[in-house]
Amino acid sequence: MHTLSADDLYTAHLTPYFQQVTDDLNSKLQRTQEENSQMMAAIDQQRAEIDRLLNVLQTAVKDIEGSVEAMQSHEDAGVNGLRTDVWQIEQELALTR
């Protein structure tokens, strides 16, 4: 016959199991937190790269918009002038063939 109460006997048998499960869960939690930290660092790097790419893209768009404005503001340097220049070059090449 046991000298321990039912609660003490229950606790004595299950405490090692609970301790092992607690240790396992704490270990998994720590690994998960480390993985999350690594993922956040990668996400921060990706966000910085996206910002750099957007800045380059915005600069390119501004350059293109400036070119379009310049072409529209000068009749001779505009699309019509360019079309005329290309036509003249084509005619000169046609004569040399």
PDB file of N, CA and C in Angstrom:
ATOM      1  N   MET A   1       0.837  -1.171   0.000  1.00  0.00           N
ATOM      2  CA  MET A   1       0.000   0.000   0.000  1.00  0.00           C
ATOM      3  C   MET A   1       0.894   1.250   0.000  1.00  0.00           C
ATOM      4  N   HIS A   2       0.429   2.287  -0.712  1.00  0.00           N
ATOM      5  CA  HIS A   2       1.192   3.524  -0.832  1.00  0.00           C
ATOM      6  C   HIS A   2       0.949   4.414   0.381  1.00  0.00           C
ATOM      7  N   THR A   3       1.998   5.156   0.702  1.00  0.00           N
ATOM      8  CA  THR A   3       1.863   6.116   1.804  1.00  0.00           C
ATOM      9  C   THR A   3       1.542   7.498   1.300  1.00  0.00           C
ATOM     10  N   LEU A   4       1.553   7.659  -0.017  1.00  0.00           N
ATOM     11  CA  LEU A   4       1.251   8.968  -0.614  1.00  0.00           C
ATOM     12  C   LEU A   4      -0.241   9.096  -0.875  1.00  0.00           C
ATOM     13  N   SER A   5      -0.717  10.323  -0.827  1.00  0.00           N
ATOM     14  CA  SER A   5      -2.120  10.572  -1.182  1.00  0.00           C
ATOM     15  C   SER A   5      -2.276  10.430  -2.697  1.00  0.00           C
ATOM     16  N   ALA A   6      -3.497  10.390  -3.146  1.00  0.00           N
ATOM     17  CA  ALA A   6      -3.760  10.243  -4.578  1.00  0.00           C
ATOM     18  C   ALA A   6      -3.170  11.419  -5.374  1.00  0.00           C
ATOM     19  N   ASP A   7      -3.313  12.614  -4.848  1.00  0.00           N
ATOM     20  CA  ASP A   7      -2.750  13.783  -5.534  1.00  0.00           C
ATOM     21  C   ASP A   7      -1.233  13.726  -5.584  1.00  0.00           C
ATOM     22  N   ASP A   8      -0.586  13.329  -4.472  1.00  0.00           N
ATOM     23  CA  ASP A   8       0.870  13.234  -4.442  1.00  0.00           C
ATOM     24  C   ASP A   8       1.369  12.142  -5.390  1.00  0.00           C
ATOM     25  N   LEU A   9       0.673  11.018  -5.401  1.00  0.00           N
ATOM     26  CA  LEU A   9       1.039   9.913  -6.283  1.00  0.00           C
ATOM     27  C   LEU A   9       0.882  10.332  -7.749  1.00  0.00           C
ATOM     28  N   TYR A  10      -0.215  10.978  -8.051  1.00  0.00           N
ATOM     29  CA  TYR A  10      -0.489  11.486  -9.400  1.00  0.00           C
ATOM     30  C   TYR A  10       0.606  12.461  -9.817  1.00  0.00           C
ATOM     31  N   THR A  11       0.924  13.415  -8.940  1.00  0.00           N
ATOM     32  CA  THR A  11       1.947  14.413  -9.221  1.00  0.00           C
ATOM     33  C   THR A  11       3.316  13.758  -9.381  1.00  0.00           C
ATOM     34  N   ALA A  12       3.656  12.811  -8.557  1.00  0.00           N
ATOM     35  CA  ALA A  12       4.954  12.143  -8.618  1.00  0.00           C
ATOM     36  C   ALA A  12       5.141  11.404  -9.943  1.00  0.00           C
ATOM     37  N   HIS A  13       4.075  10.810 -10.447  1.00  0.00           N
ATOM     38  CA  HIS A  13       4.180  10.079 -11.718  1.00  0.00           C
ATOM     39  C   HIS A  13       4.183  11.011 -12.933  1.00  0.00           C
ATOM     40  N   LEU A  14       3.441  12.087 -12.886  1.00  0.00           N
ATOM     41  CA  LEU A  14       3.296  12.943 -14.068  1.00  0.00           C
ATOM     42  C   LEU A  14       4.282  14.107 -14.124  1.00  0.00           C
ATOM     43  N   THR A  15       4.892  14.472 -13.019  1.00  0.00           N
ATOM     44  CA  THR A  15       5.809  15.610 -13.010  1.00  0.00           C
ATOM     45  C   THR A  15       6.958  15.437 -14.007  1.00  0.00           C
ATOM     46  N   PRO A  16       7.622  14.287 -14.078  1.00  0.00           N
ATOM     47  CA  PRO A  16       8.704  14.162 -15.075  1.00  0.00           C
ATOM     48  C   PRO A  16       8.193  14.331 -16.510  1.00  0.00           C
ATOM     49  N   TYR A  17       7.025  13.792 -16.789  1.00  0.00           N
ATOM     50  CA  TYR A  17       6.442  13.944 -18.124  1.00  0.00           C
ATOM     51  C   TYR A  17       6.124  15.414 -18.410  1.00  0.00           C
ATOM     52  N   PHE A  18       5.484  16.073 -17.479  1.00  0.00           N
ATOM     53  CA  PHE A  18       5.157  17.488 -17.656  1.00  0.00           C
ATOM     54  C   PHE A  18       6.418  18.336 -17.816  1.00  0.00           C
ATOM     55  N   GLN A  19       7.439  18.000 -17.062  1.00  0.00           N
ATOM     56  CA  GLN A  19       8.693  18.751 -17.171  1.00  0.00           C
ATOM     57  C   GLN A  19       9.308  18.565 -18.558  1.00  0.00           C
ATOM     58  N   GLN A  20       9.287  17.333 -19.078  1.00  0.00           N
ATOM     59  CA  GLN A  20       9.837  17.060 -20.410  1.00  0.00           C
ATOM     60  C   GLN A  20       9.034  17.790 -21.488  1.00  0.00           C
ATOM     61  N   VAL A  21       7.734  17.749 -21.372  1.00  0.00           N
ATOM     62  CA  VAL A  21       6.880  18.441 -22.342  1.00  0.00           C
ATOM     63  C   VAL A  21       7.115  19.946 -22.269  1.00  0.00           C
ATOM     64  N   THR A  22       7.239  20.466 -21.067  1.00  0.00           N
ATOM     65  CA  THR A  22       7.503  21.903 -20.896  1.00  0.00           C
ATOM     66  C   THR A  22       8.838  22.273 -21.522  1.00  0.00           C
ATOM     67  N   ASP A  23       9.862  21.467 -21.296  1.00  0.00           N
ATOM     68  CA  ASP A  23      11.178  21.726 -21.889  1.00  0.00           C
ATOM     69  C   ASP A  23      11.121  21.676 -23.417  1.00  0.00           C
ATOM     70  N   ASP A  24      10.414  20.675 -23.945  1.00  0.00           N
ATOM     71  CA  ASP A  24      10.260  20.558 -25.400  1.00  0.00           C
ATOM     72  C   ASP A  24       9.541  21.775 -25.987  1.00  0.00           C
ATOM     73  N   LEU A  25       8.464  22.180 -25.345  1.00  0.00           N
ATOM     74  CA  LEU A  25       7.709  23.337 -25.836  1.00  0.00           C
ATOM     75  C   LEU A  25       8.528  24.620 -25.748  1.00  0.00           C
ATOM     76  N   ASN A  26       9.287  24.776 -24.667  1.00  0.00           N
ATOM     77  CA  ASN A  26      10.143  25.965 -24.546  1.00  0.00           C
ATOM     78  C   ASN A  26      11.223  25.971 -25.624  1.00  0.00           C
ATOM     79  N   SER A  27      11.761  24.814 -25.927  1.00  0.00           N
ATOM     80  CA  SER A  27      12.768  24.704 -26.984  1.00  0.00           C
ATOM     81  C   SER A  27      12.168  25.055 -28.347  1.00  0.00           C
ATOM     82  N   LYS A  28      10.985  24.528 -28.631  1.00  0.00           N
ATOM     83  CA  LYS A  28      10.298  24.837 -29.891  1.00  0.00           C
ATOM     84  C   LYS A  28       9.962  26.322 -29.965  1.00  0.00           C
ATOM     85  N   LEU A  29       9.534  26.885 -28.860  1.00  0.00           N
ATOM     86  CA  LEU A  29       9.215  28.308 -28.831  1.00  0.00           C
ATOM     87  C   LEU A  29      10.450  29.153 -29.118  1.00  0.00           C
ATOM     88  N   GLN A  30      11.569  28.784 -28.522  1.00  0.00           N
ATOM     89  CA  GLN A  30      12.802  29.525 -28.746  1.00  0.00           C
ATOM     90  C   GLN A  30      13.233  29.431 -30.213  1.00  0.00           C
ATOM     91  N   ARG A  31      13.158  28.228 -30.804  1.00  0.00           N
ATOM     92  CA  ARG A  31      13.508  28.069 -32.222  1.00  0.00           C
ATOM     93  C   ARG A  31      12.587  28.898 -33.107  1.00  0.00           C
ATOM     94  N   THR A  32      11.305  28.875 -32.790  1.00  0.00           N
ATOM     95  CA  THR A  32      10.335  29.642 -33.574  1.00  0.00           C
ATOM     96  C   THR A  32      10.613  31.136 -33.476  1.00  0.00           C
ATOM     97  N   GLN A  33      10.941  31.613 -32.293  1.00  0.00           N
ATOM     98  CA  GLN A  33      11.255  33.030 -32.120  1.00  0.00           C
ATOM     99  C   GLN A  33      12.512  33.414 -32.900  1.00  0.00           C
ATOM    100  N   GLU A  34      13.513  32.531 -32.921  1.00  0.00           N
ATOM    101  CA  GLU A  34      14.724  32.793 -33.698  1.00  0.00           C
ATOM    102  C   GLU A  34      14.414  32.817 -35.192  1.00  0.00           C
ATOM    103  N   GLU A  35      13.592  31.869 -35.658  1.00  0.00           N
ATOM    104  CA  GLU A  35      13.201  31.840 -37.066  1.00  0.00           C
ATOM    105  C   GLU A  35      12.420  33.089 -37.431  1.00  0.00           C
ATOM    106  N   ASN A  36      11.519  33.508 -36.561  1.00  0.00           N
ATOM    107  CA  ASN A  36      10.751  34.732 -36.805  1.00  0.00           C
ATOM    108  C   ASN A  36      11.664  35.942 -36.896  1.00  0.00           C
ATOM    109  N   SER A  37      12.657  35.987 -36.038  1.00  0.00           N
ATOM    110  CA  SER A  37      13.614  37.087 -36.053  1.00  0.00           C
ATOM    111  C   SER A  37      14.389  37.110 -37.368  1.00  0.00           C
ATOM    112  N   GLN A  38      14.812  35.934 -37.834  1.00  0.00           N
ATOM    113  CA  GLN A  38      15.526  35.843 -39.110  1.00  0.00           C
ATOM    114  C   GLN A  38      14.626  36.250 -40.275  1.00  0.00           C
ATOM    115  N   MET A  39      13.367  35.812 -40.225  1.00  0.00           N
ATOM    116  CA  MET A  39      12.426  36.182 -41.293  1.00  0.00           C
ATOM    117  C   MET A  39      12.180  37.688 -41.311  1.00  0.00           C
ATOM    118  N   MET A  40      12.063  38.297 -40.131  1.00  0.00           N
ATOM    119  CA  MET A  40      11.851  39.750 -40.075  1.00  0.00           C
ATOM    120  C   MET A  40      13.057  40.490 -40.639  1.00  0.00           C
ATOM    121  N   ALA A  41      14.262  39.993 -40.365  1.00  0.00           N
ATOM    122  CA  ALA A  41      15.460  40.616 -40.916  1.00  0.00           C
ATOM    123  C   ALA A  41      15.445  40.514 -42.442  1.00  0.00           C
ATOM    124  N   ALA A  42      15.055  39.363 -42.965  1.00  0.00           N
ATOM    125  CA  ALA A  42      14.971  39.187 -44.421  1.00  0.00           C
ATOM    126  C   ALA A  42      13.902  40.095 -45.012  1.00  0.00           C
ATOM    127  N   ILE A  43      12.771  40.218 -44.341  1.00  0.00           N
ATOM    128  CA  ILE A  43      11.686  41.087 -44.815  1.00  0.00           C
ATOM    129  C   ILE A  43      12.144  42.543 -44.813  1.00  0.00           C
ATOM    130  N   ASP A  44      12.865  42.960 -43.773  1.00  0.00           N
ATOM    131  CA  ASP A  44      13.377  44.329 -43.729  1.00  0.00           C
ATOM    132  C   ASP A  44      14.338  44.594 -44.879  1.00  0.00           C
ATOM    133  N   GLN A  45      15.191  43.615 -45.201  1.00  0.00           N
ATOM    134  CA  GLN A  45      16.113  43.779 -46.325  1.00  0.00           C
ATOM    135  C   GLN A  45      15.341  43.878 -47.641  1.00  0.00           C
ATOM    136  N   GLN A  46      14.307  43.059 -47.784  1.00  0.00           N
ATOM    137  CA  GLN A  46      13.502  43.096 -49.008  1.00  0.00           C
ATOM    138  C   GLN A  46      12.766  44.424 -49.137  1.00  0.00           C
ATOM    139  N   ARG A  47      12.272  44.938 -48.036  1.00  0.00           N
ATOM    140  CA  ARG A  47      11.589  46.234 -48.077  1.00  0.00           C
ATOM    141  C   ARG A  47      12.555  47.344 -48.486  1.00  0.00           C
ATOM    142  N   ALA A  48      13.772  47.293 -47.965  1.00  0.00           N
ATOM    143  CA  ALA A  48      14.778  48.294 -48.329  1.00  0.00           C
ATOM    144  C   ALA A  48      15.107  48.192 -49.815  1.00  0.00           C
ATOM    145  N   GLU A  49      15.220  46.980 -50.332  1.00  0.00           N
ATOM    146  CA  GLU A  49      15.497  46.785 -51.753  1.00  0.00           C
ATOM    147  C   GLU A  49      14.332  47.291 -52.603  1.00  0.00           C
ATOM    148  N   ILE A  50      13.108  47.029 -52.173  1.00  0.00           N
ATOM    149  CA  ILE A  50      11.932  47.527 -52.890  1.00  0.00           C
ATOM    150  C   ILE A  50      11.945  49.049 -52.921  1.00  0.00           C
ATOM    151  N   ASP A  51      12.270  49.688 -51.795  1.00  0.00           N
ATOM    152  CA  ASP A  51      12.342  51.145 -51.749  1.00  0.00           C
ATOM    153  C   ASP A  51      13.395  51.672 -52.724  1.00  0.00           C
ATOM    154  N   ARG A  52      14.567  51.015 -52.762  1.00  0.00           N
ATOM    155  CA  ARG A  52      15.617  51.447 -53.690  1.00  0.00           C
ATOM    156  C   ARG A  52      15.144  51.308 -55.135  1.00  0.00           C
ATOM    157  N   LEU A  53      14.513  50.176 -55.452  1.00  0.00           N
ATOM    158  CA  LEU A  53      14.024  49.961 -56.818  1.00  0.00           C
ATOM    159  C   LEU A  53      12.940  50.967 -57.193  1.00  0.00           C
ATOM    160  N   LEU A  54      12.046  51.267 -56.263  1.00  0.00           N
ATOM    161  CA  LEU A  54      11.002  52.255 -56.542  1.00  0.00           C
ATOM    162  C   LEU A  54      11.597  53.635 -56.792  1.00  0.00           C
ATOM    163  N   ASN A  55      12.627  53.993 -56.042  1.00  0.00           N
ATOM    164  CA  ASN A  55      13.280  55.285 -56.259  1.00  0.00           C
ATOM    165  C   ASN A  55      13.909  55.353 -57.644  1.00  0.00           C
ATOM    166  N   VAL A  56      14.560  54.263 -58.073  1.00  0.00           N
ATOM    167  CA  VAL A  56      15.147  54.221 -59.417  1.00  0.00           C
ATOM    168  C   VAL A  56      14.045  54.326 -60.464  1.00  0.00           C
ATOM    169  N   LEU A  57      12.963  53.604 -60.252  1.00  0.00           N
ATOM    170  CA  LEU A  57      11.847  53.627 -61.196  1.00  0.00           C
ATOM    171  C   LEU A  57      11.220  55.014 -61.268  1.00  0.00           C
ATOM    172  N   GLN A  58      11.034  55.667 -60.118  1.00  0.00           N
ATOM    173  CA  GLN A  58      10.463  57.012 -60.108  1.00  0.00           C
ATOM    174  C   GLN A  58      11.367  57.995 -60.850  1.00  0.00           C
ATOM    175  N   THR A  59      12.675  57.853 -60.711  1.00  0.00           N
ATOM    176  CA  THR A  59      13.610  58.709 -61.426  1.00  0.00           C
ATOM    177  C   THR A  59      13.493  58.482 -62.933  1.00  0.00           C
ATOM    178  N   ALA A  60      13.387  57.215 -63.349  1.00  0.00           N
ATOM    179  CA  ALA A  60      13.240  56.900 -64.770  1.00  0.00           C
ATOM    180  C   ALA A  60      11.939  57.476 -65.324  1.00  0.00           C
ATOM    181  N   VAL A  61      10.857  57.359 -64.556  1.00  0.00           N
ATOM    182  CA  VAL A  61       9.566  57.902 -65.006  1.00  0.00           C
ATOM    183  C   VAL A  61       9.658  59.423 -65.148  1.00  0.00           C
ATOM    184  N   LYS A  62      10.305  60.084 -64.202  1.00  0.00           N
ATOM    185  CA  LYS A  62      10.459  61.546 -64.301  1.00  0.00           C
ATOM    186  C   LYS A  62      11.278  61.925 -65.520  1.00  0.00           C
ATOM    187  N   ASP A  63      12.318  61.137 -65.825  1.00  0.00           N
ATOM    188  CA  ASP A  63      13.112  61.404 -67.023  1.00  0.00           C
ATOM    189  C   ASP A  63      12.271  61.257 -68.289  1.00  0.00           C
ATOM    190  N   ILE A  64      11.473  60.209 -68.340  1.00  0.00           N
ATOM    191  CA  ILE A  64      10.612  59.984 -69.508  1.00  0.00           C
ATOM    192  C   ILE A  64       9.581  61.099 -69.629  1.00  0.00           C
ATOM    193  N   GLU A  65       8.975  61.485 -68.513  1.00  0.00           N
ATOM    194  CA  GLU A  65       7.991  62.570 -68.546  1.00  0.00           C
ATOM    195  C   GLU A  65       8.644  63.861 -69.014  1.00  0.00           C
ATOM    196  N   GLY A  66       9.863  64.117 -68.572  1.00  0.00           N
ATOM    197  CA  GLY A  66      10.586  65.307 -69.014  1.00  0.00           C
ATOM    198  C   GLY A  66      10.870  65.268 -70.504  1.00  0.00           C
ATOM    199  N   SER A  67      11.206  64.098 -71.016  1.00  0.00           N
ATOM    200  CA  SER A  67      11.454  63.956 -72.456  1.00  0.00           C
ATOM    201  C   SER A  67      10.180  64.207 -73.253  1.00  0.00           C
ATOM    202  N   VAL A  68       9.074  63.679 -72.774  1.00  0.00           N
ATOM    203  CA  VAL A  68       7.796  63.883 -73.465  1.00  0.00           C
ATOM    204  C   VAL A  68       7.436  65.360 -73.469  1.00  0.00           C
ATOM    205  N   GLU A  69       7.617  66.027 -72.343  1.00  0.00           N
ATOM    206  CA  GLU A  69       7.325  67.465 -72.280  1.00  0.00           C
ATOM    207  C   GLU A  69       8.217  68.248 -73.234  1.00  0.00           C
ATOM    208  N   ALA A  70       9.479  67.882 -73.288  1.00  0.00           N
ATOM    209  CA  ALA A  70      10.402  68.582 -74.189  1.00  0.00           C
ATOM    210  C   ALA A  70      10.002  68.376 -75.638  1.00  0.00           C
ATOM    211  N   MET A  71       9.568  67.169 -75.973  1.00  0.00           N
ATOM    212  CA  MET A  71       9.149  66.899 -77.349  1.00  0.00           C
ATOM    213  C   MET A  71       7.874  67.653 -77.690  1.00  0.00           C
ATOM    214  N   GLN A  72       6.973  67.787 -76.739  1.00  0.00           N
ATOM    215  CA  GLN A  72       5.711  68.464 -76.998  1.00  0.00           C
ATOM    216  C   GLN A  72       5.878  69.980 -77.021  1.00  0.00           C
ATOM    217  N   SER A  73       6.860  70.490 -76.310  1.00  0.00           N
ATOM    218  CA  SER A  73       6.992  71.941 -76.201  1.00  0.00           C
ATOM    219  C   SER A  73       7.703  72.555 -77.398  1.00  0.00           C
ATOM    220  N   HIS A  74       8.427  71.792 -78.154  1.00  0.00           N
ATOM    221  CA  HIS A  74       9.135  72.309 -79.331  1.00  0.00           C
ATOM    222  C   HIS A  74       8.570  71.637 -80.578  1.00  0.00           C
ATOM    223  N   GLU A  75       7.936  72.424 -81.431  1.00  0.00           N
ATOM    224  CA  GLU A  75       7.301  71.874 -82.631  1.00  0.00           C
ATOM    225  C   GLU A  75       8.317  71.165 -83.509  1.00  0.00           C
ATOM    226  N   ASP A  76       9.467  71.801 -83.737  1.00  0.00           N
ATOM    227  CA  ASP A  76      10.467  71.196 -84.618  1.00  0.00           C
ATOM    228  C   ASP A  76      11.143  69.994 -83.984  1.00  0.00           C
ATOM    229  N   ALA A  77      11.289  70.003 -82.678  1.00  0.00           N
ATOM    230  CA  ALA A  77      11.950  68.895 -82.000  1.00  0.00           C
ATOM    231  C   ALA A  77      10.955  67.834 -81.554  1.00  0.00           C
ATOM    232  N   GLY A  78       9.690  68.077 -81.829  1.00  0.00           N
ATOM    233  CA  GLY A  78       8.655  67.145 -81.388  1.00  0.00           C
ATOM    234  C   GLY A  78       8.541  65.933 -82.276  1.00  0.00           C
ATOM    235  N   VAL A  79       7.445  65.217 -82.122  1.00  0.00           N
ATOM    236  CA  VAL A  79       7.217  63.986 -82.875  1.00  0.00           C
ATOM    237  C   VAL A  79       7.172  64.278 -84.364  1.00  0.00           C
ATOM    238  N   ASN A  80       6.548  65.369 -84.739  1.00  0.00           N
ATOM    239  CA  ASN A  80       6.456  65.698 -86.163  1.00  0.00           C
ATOM    240  C   ASN A  80       7.839  65.969 -86.745  1.00  0.00           C
ATOM    241  N   GLY A  81       8.645  66.693 -86.011  1.00  0.00           N
ATOM    242  CA  GLY A  81      10.004  66.961 -86.481  1.00  0.00           C
ATOM    243  C   GLY A  81      10.812  65.685 -86.589  1.00  0.00           C
ATOM    244  N   LEU A  82      10.665  64.802 -85.639  1.00  0.00           N
ATOM    245  CA  LEU A  82      11.363  63.527 -85.666  1.00  0.00           C
ATOM    246  C   LEU A  82      10.883  62.696 -86.849  1.00  0.00           C
ATOM    247  N   ARG A  83       9.588  62.696 -87.095  1.00  0.00           N
ATOM    248  CA  ARG A  83       9.035  61.946 -88.227  1.00  0.00           C
ATOM    249  C   ARG A  83       9.600  62.482 -89.543  1.00  0.00           C
ATOM    250  N   THR A  84       9.686  63.795 -89.650  1.00  0.00           N
ATOM    251  CA  THR A  84      10.234  64.410 -90.865  1.00  0.00           C
ATOM    252  C   THR A  84      11.706  64.033 -91.039  1.00  0.00           C
ATOM    253  N   ASP A  85      12.459  64.070 -89.970  1.00  0.00           N
ATOM    254  CA  ASP A  85      13.874  63.714 -90.042  1.00  0.00           C
ATOM    255  C   ASP A  85      14.058  62.266 -90.479  1.00  0.00           C
ATOM    256  N   VAL A  86      13.278  61.365 -89.912  1.00  0.00           N
ATOM    257  CA  VAL A  86      13.372  59.954 -90.286  1.00  0.00           C
ATOM    258  C   VAL A  86      12.982  59.764 -91.738  1.00  0.00           C
ATOM    259  N   TRP A  87      11.962  60.444 -92.197  1.00  0.00           N
ATOM    260  CA  TRP A  87      11.524  60.322 -93.598  1.00  0.00           C
ATOM    261  C   TRP A  87      12.626  60.796 -94.531  1.00  0.00           C
ATOM    262  N   GLN A  88      13.268  61.909 -94.185  1.00  0.00           N
ATOM    263  CA  GLN A  88      14.358  62.422 -95.022  1.00  0.00           C
ATOM    264  C   GLN A  88      15.523  61.443 -95.076  1.00  0.00           C
ATOM    265  N   ILE A  89      15.859  60.849 -93.948  1.00  0.00           N
ATOM    266  CA  ILE A  89      16.949  59.876 -93.920  1.00  0.00           C
ATOM    267  C   ILE A  89      16.595  58.670 -94.771  1.00  0.00           C
ATOM    268  N   GLU A  90      15.356  58.212 -94.696  1.00  0.00           N
ATOM    269  CA  GLU A  90      14.921  57.078 -95.515  1.00  0.00           C
ATOM    270  C   GLU A  90      15.004  57.403 -97.006  1.00  0.00           C
ATOM    271  N   GLN A  91      14.628  58.622 -97.365  1.00  0.00           N
ATOM    272  CA  GLN A  91      14.691  59.034 -98.789  1.00  0.00           C
ATOM    273  C   GLN A  91      16.136  59.058 -99.270  1.00  0.00           C
ATOM    274  N   GLU A  92      17.038  59.590 -98.448  1.00  0.00           N
ATOM    275  CA  GLU A  92      18.452  59.648 -98.831  1.00  0.00           C
ATOM    276  C   GLU A  92      19.014  58.247 -98.980  1.00  0.00           C
ATOM    277  N   LEU A  93      18.645  57.328 -98.075  1.00  0.00           N
ATOM    278  CA  LEU A  93      19.119  55.946 -98.196  1.00  0.00           C
ATOM    279  C   LEU A  93      18.550  55.272 -99.436  1.00  0.00           C
ATOM    280  N   ALA A  94      17.317  55.583 -99.782  1.00  0.00           N
ATOM    281  CA  ALA A  94      16.691  54.988-100.957  1.00  0.00           C
ATOM    282  C   ALA A  94      17.402  55.431-102.232  1.00  0.00           C
ATOM    283  N   LEU A  95      17.880  56.663-102.257  1.00  0.00           N
ATOM    284  CA  LEU A  95      18.588  57.163-103.449  1.00  0.00           C
ATOM    285  C   LEU A  95      19.956  56.520-103.607  1.00  0.00           C
ATOM    286  N   THR A  96      20.581  56.107-102.521  1.00  0.00           N
ATOM    287  CA  THR A  96      21.926  55.524-102.607  1.00  0.00           C
ATOM    288  C   THR A  96      21.883  54.037-102.932  1.00  0.00           C
ATOM    289  N   ARG A  97      20.755  53.438-102.977  1.00  0.00           N
ATOM    290  CA  ARG A  97      20.666  51.994-103.262  1.00  0.00           C
ATOM    291  C   ARG A  97      20.666  51.708-104.716  1.00  0.00           C
TER     292      ARG A  97
END
